[in-house]
Protein backbone atom coordinates (compact mmCIF):
# COMPACT_ATOMS: atom_id res chain seq x y z
CA MET A 1 -6.22 29.03 8.80
CA LYS A 2 -9.58 28.62 9.86
CA ARG A 3 -11.00 26.39 6.98
CA LEU A 4 -8.81 22.60 5.18
CA ARG A 5 -10.14 21.34 2.11
CA LEU A 6 -9.43 17.95 2.09
CA GLY A 7 -9.52 15.53 -0.50
CA THR A 8 -10.27 11.97 -1.02
CA ARG A 9 -11.82 9.16 -2.76
CA GLY A 10 -15.16 8.23 -2.16
CA SER A 11 -15.25 4.48 -0.80
CA LYS A 12 -16.25 3.82 2.35
CA LEU A 13 -12.47 2.76 3.63
CA ALA A 14 -11.10 6.27 2.18
CA GLN A 15 -13.83 7.82 3.49
CA TRP A 16 -12.70 6.29 6.75
CA GLN A 17 -9.11 7.39 6.47
CA ALA A 18 -10.09 10.86 5.76
CA GLN A 19 -11.97 11.14 8.84
CA ALA A 20 -9.54 9.81 10.91
CA VAL A 21 -7.01 12.85 9.46
CA ALA A 22 -9.85 15.13 9.59
CA GLN A 23 -10.11 14.11 13.72
CA GLN A 24 -6.61 14.06 14.15
CA LEU A 25 -6.14 17.86 12.78
CA LYS A 26 -9.22 18.90 14.78
CA ASP A 27 -7.89 18.06 18.27
CA TYR A 28 -4.99 19.99 17.94
CA TYR A 29 -6.98 22.98 16.20
CA PRO A 30 -10.43 22.87 17.35
CA ASP A 31 -11.49 25.98 16.07
CA LEU A 32 -10.79 24.37 11.93
CA GLU A 33 -13.40 23.66 9.87
CA VAL A 34 -12.40 20.20 8.06
CA GLU A 35 -14.43 19.99 4.35
CA ILE A 36 -14.02 16.91 2.98
CA VAL A 37 -14.07 16.55 -1.14
CA ILE A 38 -14.71 13.60 -2.50
CA ILE A 39 -12.87 12.78 -6.25
CA LYS A 40 -13.29 9.65 -7.98
CA THR A 41 -10.18 8.35 -9.56
CA VAL A 42 -9.23 6.64 -12.89
CA GLY A 43 -9.32 2.99 -10.10
CA ASP A 44 -12.42 3.70 -8.97
CA LYS A 45 -14.17 3.76 -12.55
CA ILE A 46 -11.79 0.97 -13.96
CA LEU A 47 -13.45 -2.23 -11.96
CA ASP A 48 -13.30 -5.05 -14.84
CA VAL A 49 -9.44 -5.39 -15.37
CA ALA A 50 -6.69 -6.18 -13.28
CA LEU A 51 -4.58 -3.36 -11.68
CA SER A 52 -0.93 -5.02 -13.45
CA ARG A 53 -3.38 -4.65 -17.48
CA ILE A 54 -4.24 -0.79 -16.62
CA GLY A 55 -0.72 0.43 -15.22
CA ASP A 56 -0.39 1.44 -11.88
CA LYS A 57 0.85 5.11 -11.44
CA GLY A 58 -0.99 7.27 -10.60
CA LEU A 59 -4.05 4.77 -10.76
CA PHE A 60 -5.70 6.11 -7.17
CA THR A 61 -3.81 9.35 -6.77
CA LYS A 62 -3.82 11.46 -10.64
CA GLU A 63 -6.84 12.90 -9.91
CA LEU A 64 -6.60 13.95 -6.04
CA GLU A 65 -2.84 15.45 -7.60
CA LYS A 66 -4.55 17.14 -9.84
CA ALA A 67 -6.63 18.93 -7.81
CA LEU A 68 -4.46 19.58 -4.91
CA LEU A 69 -2.31 21.30 -7.49
CA ASP A 70 -5.02 23.21 -9.12
CA GLY A 71 -5.81 24.70 -5.56
CA ASP A 72 -9.15 22.95 -5.69
CA ILE A 73 -8.17 21.23 -2.17
CA ASP A 74 -5.48 22.07 0.49
CA ILE A 75 -4.79 18.35 1.38
CA ALA A 76 -4.81 14.99 -0.53
CA VAL A 77 -5.74 11.66 1.69
CA HIS A 78 -4.57 8.56 0.38
CA SER A 79 -3.50 4.76 1.63
CA LEU A 80 0.33 5.14 1.12
CA LYS A 81 0.74 2.31 -0.51
CA ASP A 82 -1.54 3.53 -3.92
CA LEU A 83 0.79 6.59 -4.06
CA PRO A 84 3.64 6.58 -6.08
CA SER A 85 6.91 6.22 -4.77
CA GLN A 86 8.26 9.37 -6.98
CA LEU A 87 6.09 12.35 -6.65
CA GLY A 88 5.62 15.11 -9.42
CA GLU A 89 6.77 18.11 -9.23
CA GLY A 90 4.95 20.24 -7.14
CA LEU A 91 3.75 17.53 -4.91
CA LYS A 92 5.12 16.06 -1.48
CA LEU A 93 4.38 13.66 1.32
CA ALA A 94 3.65 15.77 4.44
CA ALA A 95 2.56 14.19 7.03
CA VAL A 96 1.63 9.88 7.88
CA LEU A 97 -0.35 8.47 11.01
CA PRO A 98 0.96 6.00 13.11
CA ARG A 99 0.40 2.44 11.09
CA GLU A 100 -1.79 -0.33 11.57
CA HIS A 101 -1.35 -3.88 11.14
CA PRO A 102 0.79 -3.98 7.96
CA GLY A 103 0.23 -7.41 7.30
CA ASP A 104 -2.02 -9.26 5.26
CA VAL A 105 -4.82 -11.79 6.08
CA LEU A 106 -6.81 -14.54 4.70
CA ILE A 107 -10.64 -14.88 4.37
CA SER A 108 -11.42 -18.63 4.12
CA ARG A 109 -15.29 -19.72 3.46
CA SER A 110 -14.54 -22.44 5.15
CA GLY A 111 -12.60 -21.18 8.03
CA LEU A 112 -9.61 -22.49 7.51
CA LYS A 113 -5.93 -20.85 7.82
CA TYR A 114 -3.52 -20.27 4.84
CA HIS A 115 -1.80 -23.86 5.20
CA GLU A 116 -5.25 -25.55 5.50
CA LEU A 117 -6.67 -24.71 2.86
CA PRO A 118 -7.03 -27.79 0.16
CA VAL A 119 -5.26 -28.59 -2.93
CA GLY A 120 -6.57 -26.46 -5.81
CA SER A 121 -8.51 -23.73 -3.60
CA LEU A 122 -9.43 -20.92 -5.51
CA VAL A 123 -7.97 -17.39 -3.95
CA GLY A 124 -9.04 -14.17 -4.97
CA THR A 125 -6.04 -11.28 -5.23
CA SER A 126 -6.02 -8.41 -7.44
CA SER A 127 -2.00 -8.21 -6.91
CA LEU A 128 0.78 -9.44 -8.92
CA ARG A 129 3.14 -9.20 -4.73
CA ARG A 130 -0.14 -12.02 -3.79
CA THR A 131 0.23 -13.81 -6.50
CA ALA A 132 3.77 -14.75 -6.65
CA GLN A 133 3.84 -15.25 -3.24
CA ILE A 134 1.27 -17.49 -2.89
CA LYS A 135 2.68 -19.68 -6.05
CA ALA A 136 6.05 -19.58 -4.07
CA THR A 137 4.52 -21.43 -0.94
CA ARG A 138 1.47 -22.87 -2.28
CA PRO A 139 2.09 -23.52 -5.75
CA ASP A 140 -1.18 -26.16 -5.53
CA ILE A 141 -3.30 -22.84 -5.45
CA GLN A 142 -5.51 -21.50 -7.81
CA VAL A 143 -4.97 -17.43 -8.26
CA VAL A 144 -8.31 -15.91 -9.39
CA ASP A 145 -8.04 -12.36 -9.80
CA ILE A 146 -10.20 -10.31 -8.37
CA ARG A 147 -10.97 -6.70 -7.47
CA GLY A 148 -13.39 -3.93 -5.89
CA ASN A 149 -13.72 -2.55 -2.24
CA VAL A 150 -13.46 -4.91 1.20
CA GLU A 151 -16.81 -5.88 1.08
CA THR A 152 -17.25 -6.03 -2.68
CA ARG A 153 -14.36 -8.76 -2.80
CA ILE A 154 -16.43 -10.42 0.16
CA LYS A 155 -19.04 -10.46 -1.08
CA LYS A 156 -17.47 -11.92 -4.74
CA MET A 157 -16.00 -14.17 -2.76
CA GLU A 158 -19.63 -15.82 -2.28
CA GLU A 159 -20.77 -15.50 -5.12
CA GLN A 160 -18.17 -16.99 -7.05
CA GLN A 161 -17.66 -20.04 -5.02
CA LEU A 162 -14.09 -18.84 -4.20
CA ASP A 163 -12.13 -20.78 -0.68
CA GLY A 164 -10.52 -17.49 0.59
CA ILE A 165 -9.17 -13.89 -0.44
CA ILE A 166 -6.23 -12.30 0.79
CA LEU A 167 -6.53 -8.95 1.56
CA ALA A 168 -4.49 -6.20 3.67
CA TYR A 169 -6.07 -6.69 7.37
CA ALA A 170 -5.57 -2.54 7.80
CA GLY A 171 -8.64 -2.39 5.18
CA VAL A 172 -10.54 -4.83 7.35
CA LYS A 173 -10.31 -3.68 10.55
CA ARG A 174 -10.73 0.07 9.67
CA LEU A 175 -14.13 -1.17 8.00
CA GLY A 176 -14.83 -3.21 11.27
CA LEU A 177 -15.04 -6.67 9.15
CA GLU A 178 -12.62 -8.31 11.26
CA LYS A 179 -14.76 -10.85 12.39
CA TRP A 180 -14.19 -12.55 8.69
CA ILE A 181 -10.59 -13.00 8.80
CA THR A 182 -9.24 -16.21 9.74
CA ASP A 183 -5.72 -16.30 9.48
CA LYS A 184 -2.92 -13.65 10.02
CA LEU A 185 -0.09 -14.56 7.22
CA ASP A 186 3.42 -14.18 9.04
CA PHE A 187 5.34 -12.07 6.82
CA GLU A 188 7.65 -14.86 6.31
CA VAL A 189 4.36 -15.69 3.96
CA MET A 190 3.42 -13.04 2.85
CA LEU A 191 5.66 -9.72 3.16
CA PRO A 192 3.08 -6.51 2.32
CA ALA A 193 3.17 -4.10 -0.24
CA THR A 194 5.34 -0.73 0.52
CA GLY A 195 3.31 1.66 2.44
CA GLN A 196 0.44 -1.12 3.50
CA GLY A 197 -1.26 0.39 6.61
CA VAL A 198 -0.40 3.72 6.46
CA ILE A 199 -2.87 6.75 5.43
CA ALA A 200 -0.97 9.12 4.33
CA ILE A 201 -1.37 13.88 3.73
CA GLU A 202 0.08 15.25 0.51
CA THR A 203 0.70 18.71 -0.18
CA ARG A 204 1.60 20.92 -2.62
CA ASP A 205 5.23 21.84 -2.03
CA PRO A 206 6.30 24.19 -1.01
CA ASP A 207 3.33 25.29 1.05
CA THR A 208 4.81 26.36 4.63
CA GLN A 209 1.08 27.04 6.12
CA ILE A 210 -0.07 23.87 5.18
CA SER A 211 2.78 21.43 6.19
CA GLY A 212 3.42 23.56 9.31
CA LEU A 213 -0.13 22.39 9.91
CA LEU A 214 -0.05 19.42 9.62
CA GLU A 215 3.21 18.82 11.22
CA PRO A 216 1.66 17.79 14.79
CA ILE A 217 0.09 15.39 13.55
CA ASN A 218 2.65 13.60 11.67
CA HIS A 219 4.00 10.02 13.36
CA LYS A 220 7.59 10.70 13.07
CA GLU A 221 8.36 7.12 13.69
CA THR A 222 6.14 6.12 10.89
CA PHE A 223 7.43 8.49 8.53
CA SER A 224 11.03 7.08 8.67
CA GLU A 225 10.10 3.67 8.20
CA MET A 226 8.20 4.88 5.05
CA GLN A 227 11.23 6.91 3.67
CA ALA A 228 13.20 3.59 3.92
CA GLU A 229 10.19 1.38 1.78
CA ARG A 230 9.55 3.89 -0.74
CA ALA A 231 13.31 4.60 -1.57
CA PHE A 232 13.75 0.58 -1.59
CA LEU A 233 10.52 0.61 -4.03
CA ASN A 234 11.71 3.79 -6.14
CA ARG A 235 15.37 2.93 -6.40
CA LEU A 236 13.49 -0.70 -8.11
CA GLU A 237 11.27 1.04 -10.28
CA GLY A 238 8.78 -0.84 -8.65
CA GLY A 239 4.55 -0.98 -8.94
CA CYS A 240 1.31 -3.14 -9.13
CA GLN A 241 2.86 -4.26 -11.74
CA VAL A 242 6.20 -5.65 -10.37
CA PRO A 243 5.76 -8.42 -7.34
CA ILE A 244 7.66 -6.15 -5.21
CA GLY A 245 7.34 -6.03 -0.93
CA SER A 246 8.85 -4.06 2.17
CA LEU A 247 8.96 -3.87 4.83
CA ALA A 248 10.37 -1.39 7.79
CA LYS A 249 10.38 -1.44 11.85
CA SER A 250 12.04 1.21 13.48
CA SER A 251 13.26 0.17 17.84
CA GLY A 252 15.04 2.59 19.45
CA ASP A 253 17.77 3.78 17.36
CA THR A 254 17.87 1.42 14.68
CA LEU A 255 15.58 1.07 11.16
CA GLN A 256 15.53 -2.99 9.84
CA LEU A 257 13.82 -3.03 5.99
CA GLN A 258 13.18 -6.47 4.66
CA GLY A 259 12.56 -6.62 1.12
CA LEU A 260 11.75 -8.93 -1.27
CA VAL A 261 11.50 -9.54 -4.95
CA ALA A 262 9.66 -12.28 -6.97
CA SER A 263 8.94 -13.15 -10.32
CA LEU A 264 5.44 -13.82 -11.68
CA ASP A 265 5.39 -17.34 -11.24
CA GLY A 266 6.82 -17.20 -7.96
CA LYS A 267 9.67 -19.14 -8.74
CA LYS A 268 12.67 -16.76 -8.35
CA ILE A 269 12.39 -15.15 -4.65
CA ILE A 270 15.10 -12.71 -3.93
CA ARG A 271 14.89 -11.69 -0.29
CA ASP A 272 17.32 -9.98 2.49
CA TRP A 273 17.08 -7.24 5.24
CA VAL A 274 19.77 -4.91 6.29
CA THR A 275 19.32 -3.00 9.85
CA ALA A 276 21.61 0.37 10.44
CA SER A 277 20.81 3.83 12.16
CA ASN A 278 17.67 5.46 11.72
CA GLN A 279 19.66 8.49 11.07
CA ASP A 280 19.20 7.88 7.56
CA PRO A 281 16.35 5.99 5.99
CA VAL A 282 16.63 6.91 2.39
CA GLN A 283 19.75 5.43 2.25
CA LEU A 284 18.74 2.15 4.03
CA GLY A 285 16.53 1.76 1.01
CA LEU A 286 18.58 2.18 -1.90
CA GLU A 287 21.00 0.19 0.02
CA LEU A 288 18.79 -2.76 0.50
CA ALA A 289 17.67 -2.11 -3.22
CA GLU A 290 21.45 -2.09 -4.87
CA ARG A 291 22.20 -4.99 -2.66
CA MET A 292 19.04 -6.64 -4.11
CA LEU A 293 19.47 -5.64 -7.63
CA THR A 294 23.04 -7.63 -7.51
CA ALA A 295 21.89 -10.74 -6.11
CA GLY A 296 19.64 -11.21 -8.61
CA ALA A 297 16.40 -9.14 -8.40
CA GLU A 298 17.61 -7.19 -11.57
CA ASP A 299 17.39 -10.08 -13.53
CA ILE A 300 14.18 -10.25 -12.29
CA LEU A 301 12.95 -6.97 -13.22
CA ASN A 302 14.45 -6.81 -16.52
CA SER A 303 12.72 -10.18 -17.21
CA ILE A 304 8.96 -8.97 -16.24
CA ARG A 305 9.72 -5.75 -18.01
CA ASN A 306 10.49 -7.53 -21.16
CA MET A 307 7.73 -9.34 -20.98
CA GLU A 308 5.41 -6.08 -20.65
CA ASP A 309 7.35 -4.34 -23.78
CA SER A 310 6.42 -7.88 -25.64
């Protein structure tokens, strides 16, 4: 194969990720020509409505997946946390790059850390997962819905006189904006979204030629961690509309997975972890999900879904 068409969203961060994948491929295949194809998604077009109100499945991926299935592109590059936990027919997660630090960070206008924010501070985020954990750890903080890319959110923080915003560390770092970070949040305070910090490559299934091409750049340790996290999320049937966090970490031959399910107001938190051999990461994810459902997560999730239906 001499030419590969790589589909991506058009934001600066998405293009950075696309270039990272293209460079890795060129390192392995110097003669390969990689064409980057920019595709606009629904999530890029609707910027004035909270994600939880417009649904989350495929919000930032559907158009890329259609182009993939139609043969207009050969691979699609995503932030893995945007990719639904269950892919559509004819699609598969083929490879991931090494994970960046998966946690969240605070950008504070006053240079404060999370625990230093004054009572009544205004903090911006579009994530129900972050909102629920803020309410659990700092119920005195007022959460303000804020969307847009990293630079847009920083600008909105200034314009709206917010005390701070919470973002994924990976996006901030990849855009070279680390100087804005005032606090790296502990996982005990803010468990990340499934797949946060991971660049994912989606392909048609089957497509043995493309899969073989991607095999050398697939980071197997990260891939195993993502299998566990995504199995956990898929069993819970969660997404942007449900406050769910997860984090898997490989260590030698073992894999640890921790998960969180929270009520929207942060008053109910189910949190647990499991450790096992890394031979079956999917089973590990399912095991943790079942344990948490039994421990009360199912009641929380049903309550949230009943609210959505009404």
